[in-house]
C-alpha atoms as a PDB file:
ATOM      1  CA  UNK A   1       0.000   0.000   0.000  1.00  0.00           C
ATOM      2  CA  UNK A   2       1.301   3.428  -0.970  1.00  0.00           C
ATOM      3  CA  UNK A   3       1.548   6.204   1.599  1.00  0.00           C
ATOM      4  CA  UNK A   4       2.697   9.775   1.087  1.00  0.00           C
ATOM      5  CA  UNK A   5       2.809  11.642   4.388  1.00  0.00           C
ATOM      6  CA  UNK A   6       3.369  15.392   4.403  1.00  0.00           C
ATOM      7  CA  UNK A   7       4.617  17.346   7.373  1.00  0.00           C
ATOM      8  CA  UNK A   8       5.968  20.773   8.191  1.00  0.00           C
ATOM      9  CA  UNK A   9       2.971  22.963   7.478  1.00  0.00           C
ATOM     10  CA  UNK A  10       1.704  25.597   9.849  1.00  0.00           C
ATOM     11  CA  UNK A  11       1.207  29.285  10.460  1.00  0.00           C
ATOM     12  CA  UNK A  12       3.981  31.656   9.462  1.00  0.00           C
ATOM     13  CA  UNK A  13       4.263  35.423   9.192  1.00  0.00           C
ATOM     14  CA  UNK A  14       4.749  37.136   5.830  1.00  0.00           C
ATOM     15  CA  UNK A  15       8.385  36.989   4.831  1.00  0.00           C
ATOM     16  CA  UNK A  16       8.956  33.836   6.840  1.00  0.00           C
ATOM     17  CA  UNK A  17      10.032  30.360   5.845  1.00  0.00           C
ATOM     18  CA  UNK A  18       8.767  26.818   6.140  1.00  0.00           C
ATOM     19  CA  UNK A  19      10.126  23.466   5.066  1.00  0.00           C
ATOM     20  CA  UNK A  20       7.676  20.798   4.001  1.00  0.00           C
ATOM     21  CA  UNK A  21       8.583  17.129   3.953  1.00  0.00           C
ATOM     22  CA  UNK A  22       6.883  14.194   2.281  1.00  0.00           C
ATOM     23  CA  UNK A  23       7.844  10.684   3.294  1.00  0.00           C
ATOM     24  CA  UNK A  24       6.904   7.977   0.817  1.00  0.00           C
ATOM     25  CA  UNK A  25       6.400   4.278   1.393  1.00  0.00           C
ATOM     26  CA  UNK A  26       5.076   1.447  -0.731  1.00  0.00           C
ATOM     27  CA  UNK A  27       6.751   2.669  -3.928  1.00  0.00           C
ATOM     28  CA  UNK A  28      10.201   2.412  -5.462  1.00  0.00           C
ATOM     29  CA  UNK A  29      10.893   6.045  -4.714  1.00  0.00           C
ATOM     30  CA  UNK A  30      13.697   6.518  -7.217  1.00  0.00           C
ATOM     31  CA  UNK A  31      11.399   5.595 -10.103  1.00  0.00           C
ATOM     32  CA  UNK A  32       8.997   8.461  -9.454  1.00  0.00           C
ATOM     33  CA  UNK A  33       8.902  12.146 -10.194  1.00  0.00           C
ATOM     34  CA  UNK A  34       7.883  13.888  -6.975  1.00  0.00           C
ATOM     35  CA  UNK A  35       5.834  17.024  -6.940  1.00  0.00           C
ATOM     36  CA  UNK A  36       4.294  19.573  -4.647  1.00  0.00           C
ATOM     37  CA  UNK A  37       0.887  20.978  -5.509  1.00  0.00           C
ATOM     38  CA  UNK A  38      -1.283  23.430  -3.633  1.00  0.00           C
ATOM     39  CA  UNK A  39      -4.924  24.337  -3.485  1.00  0.00           C
ATOM     40  CA  UNK A  40      -6.223  27.564  -2.032  1.00  0.00           C
ATOM     41  CA  UNK A  41      -9.896  28.017  -1.063  1.00  0.00           C
ATOM     42  CA  UNK A  42     -12.021  28.461  -4.160  1.00  0.00           C
ATOM     43  CA  UNK A  43      -9.141  27.750  -6.527  1.00  0.00           C
ATOM     44  CA  UNK A  44      -7.981  24.791  -8.550  1.00  0.00           C
ATOM     45  CA  UNK A  45      -5.076  22.663  -7.455  1.00  0.00           C
ATOM     46  CA  UNK A  46      -1.871  23.899  -9.086  1.00  0.00           C
ATOM     47  CA  UNK A  47       1.627  22.602  -9.507  1.00  0.00           C
ATOM     48  CA  UNK A  48       4.148  24.346  -7.275  1.00  0.00           C
ATOM     49  CA  UNK A  49       7.328  22.409  -7.930  1.00  0.00           C
ATOM     50  CA  UNK A  50       8.419  19.066  -9.265  1.00  0.00           C
ATOM     51  CA  UNK A  51      11.628  17.079  -9.217  1.00  0.00           C
ATOM     52  CA  UNK A  52      12.211  14.248 -11.645  1.00  0.00           C
ATOM     53  CA  UNK A  53      13.728  10.889 -10.815  1.00  0.00           C
ATOM     54  CA  UNK A  54      17.083  12.186 -12.069  1.00  0.00           C
ATOM     55  CA  UNK A  55      16.891  15.463 -10.176  1.00  0.00           C
ATOM     56  CA  UNK A  56      15.611  17.908 -12.783  1.00  0.00           C
ATOM     57  CA  UNK A  57      13.374  20.557 -11.268  1.00  0.00           C
ATOM     58  CA  UNK A  58      10.422  22.588 -12.472  1.00  0.00           C
ATOM     59  CA  UNK A  59       8.707  25.477 -10.680  1.00  0.00           C
ATOM     60  CA  UNK A  60       5.598  27.551 -11.021  1.00  0.00           C
ATOM     61  CA  UNK A  61       6.469  31.108 -12.026  1.00  0.00           C
ATOM     62  CA  UNK A  62       4.926  32.421  -8.808  1.00  0.00           C
ATOM     63  CA  UNK A  63       7.448  30.585  -6.623  1.00  0.00           C
ATOM     64  CA  UNK A  64      10.636  30.732  -8.704  1.00  0.00           C
ATOM     65  CA  UNK A  65      13.497  32.112  -6.664  1.00  0.00           C
ATOM     66  CA  UNK A  66      11.631  31.588  -3.381  1.00  0.00           C
ATOM     67  CA  UNK A  67      10.933  27.850  -3.217  1.00  0.00           C
ATOM     68  CA  UNK A  68      13.338  24.952  -3.637  1.00  0.00           C
ATOM     69  CA  UNK A  69      12.355  21.326  -4.150  1.00  0.00           C
ATOM     70  CA  UNK A  70      14.795  18.543  -3.333  1.00  0.00           C
ATOM     71  CA  UNK A  71      14.754  14.819  -2.743  1.00  0.00           C
ATOM     72  CA  UNK A  72      16.670  12.291  -0.674  1.00  0.00           C
ATOM     73  CA  UNK A  73      16.291   8.913  -2.337  1.00  0.00           C
ATOM     74  CA  UNK A  74      17.980   7.170   0.581  1.00  0.00           C
ATOM     75  CA  UNK A  75      15.230   8.455   2.890  1.00  0.00           C
ATOM     76  CA  UNK A  76      12.363   8.187   0.369  1.00  0.00           C
ATOM     77  CA  UNK A  77      11.613  11.817   1.121  1.00  0.00           C
ATOM     78  CA  UNK A  78      10.973  14.948  -0.903  1.00  0.00           C
ATOM     79  CA  UNK A  79      11.262  18.448   0.535  1.00  0.00           C
ATOM     80  CA  UNK A  80       9.957  21.878  -0.292  1.00  0.00           C
ATOM     81  CA  UNK A  81      11.875  24.774   1.192  1.00  0.00           C
ATOM     82  CA  UNK A  82       9.676  27.858   1.092  1.00  0.00           C
ATOM     83  CA  UNK A  83      11.181  31.290   1.701  1.00  0.00           C
ATOM     84  CA  UNK A  84       9.795  34.818   1.522  1.00  0.00           C
ATOM     85  CA  UNK A  85       6.292  33.540   2.040  1.00  0.00           C
ATOM     86  CA  UNK A  86       3.348  35.805   1.379  1.00  0.00           C
ATOM     87  CA  UNK A  87      -0.412  35.593   1.835  1.00  0.00           C
ATOM     88  CA  UNK A  88      -0.866  34.245  -1.688  1.00  0.00           C
ATOM     89  CA  UNK A  89       1.063  31.131  -0.669  1.00  0.00           C
ATOM     90  CA  UNK A  90      -1.669  30.194   1.805  1.00  0.00           C
ATOM     91  CA  UNK A  91      -3.083  26.847   0.716  1.00  0.00           C
ATOM     92  CA  UNK A  92      -3.190  23.152   1.408  1.00  0.00           C
ATOM     93  CA  UNK A  93       0.014  21.655   0.014  1.00  0.00           C
ATOM     94  CA  UNK A  94      -0.099  18.149  -1.424  1.00  0.00           C
ATOM     95  CA  UNK A  95       2.694  15.745  -2.206  1.00  0.00           C
ATOM     96  CA  UNK A  96       2.464  13.780  -5.452  1.00  0.00           C
ATOM     97  CA  UNK A  97       4.340  10.790  -6.810  1.00  0.00           C
ATOM     98  CA  UNK A  98       4.066  10.277 -10.533  1.00  0.00           C
ATOM     99  CA  UNK A  99       5.333   7.683 -12.959  1.00  0.00           C
ATOM    100  CA  UNK A 100       4.666   7.655 -16.681  1.00  0.00           C
ATOM    101  CA  UNK A 101       5.346   4.084 -17.781  1.00  0.00           C
ATOM    102  CA  UNK A 102       3.385   2.365 -16.412  1.00  0.00           C
ATOM    103  CA  UNK A 103       1.098   5.203 -15.436  1.00  0.00           C
ATOM    104  CA  UNK A 104       0.979   5.629 -11.654  1.00  0.00           C
ATOM    105  CA  UNK A 105      -0.160   8.648  -9.665  1.00  0.00           C
ATOM    106  CA  UNK A 106      -0.336   8.913  -5.875  1.00  0.00           C
ATOM    107  CA  UNK A 107      -1.265  11.746  -3.512  1.00  0.00           C
ATOM    108  CA  UNK A 108      -0.703  12.623   0.095  1.00  0.00           C
ATOM    109  CA  UNK A 109      -3.394  13.896   2.420  1.00  0.00           C
ATOM    110  CA  UNK A 110      -2.140  17.478   2.375  1.00  0.00           C
ATOM    111  CA  UNK A 111      -0.718  19.901   4.910  1.00  0.00           C
ATOM    112  CA  UNK A 112      -2.031  23.387   5.601  1.00  0.00           C
ATOM    113  CA  UNK A 113       0.235  26.385   5.122  1.00  0.00           C
ATOM    114  CA  UNK A 114      -1.127  29.701   6.351  1.00  0.00           C
ATOM    115  CA  UNK A 115       0.771  32.945   5.864  1.00  0.00           C
ATOM    116  CA  UNK A 116      -0.638  35.656   8.066  1.00  0.00           C
ATOM    117  CA  UNK A 117       0.418  38.322  10.502  1.00  0.00           C
END
């Protein structure tokens, strides 16, 4: 059974930082691209950042230069370092594991990030 468990969310002031973690089990972690998505109230879920199985990264324009995605294959964990947070970053952040061939797609339960003074 596949589990993706996010942690590290919480309340932070504007300009602050948070580090999200997602621990994966039940998959061969190194075979999967790992992504972070977010969904704010009333909005669609959007891609924040993704890191491929070989370490290539991709970011949403809104977070470039502020967020950094990384992975530790030995720990089956993906991270999202978030700096210079602002109110628009407030959302539930979801971890995703994706594989193309064969097609596999798994999601975590989400962790709330709230940026507010």
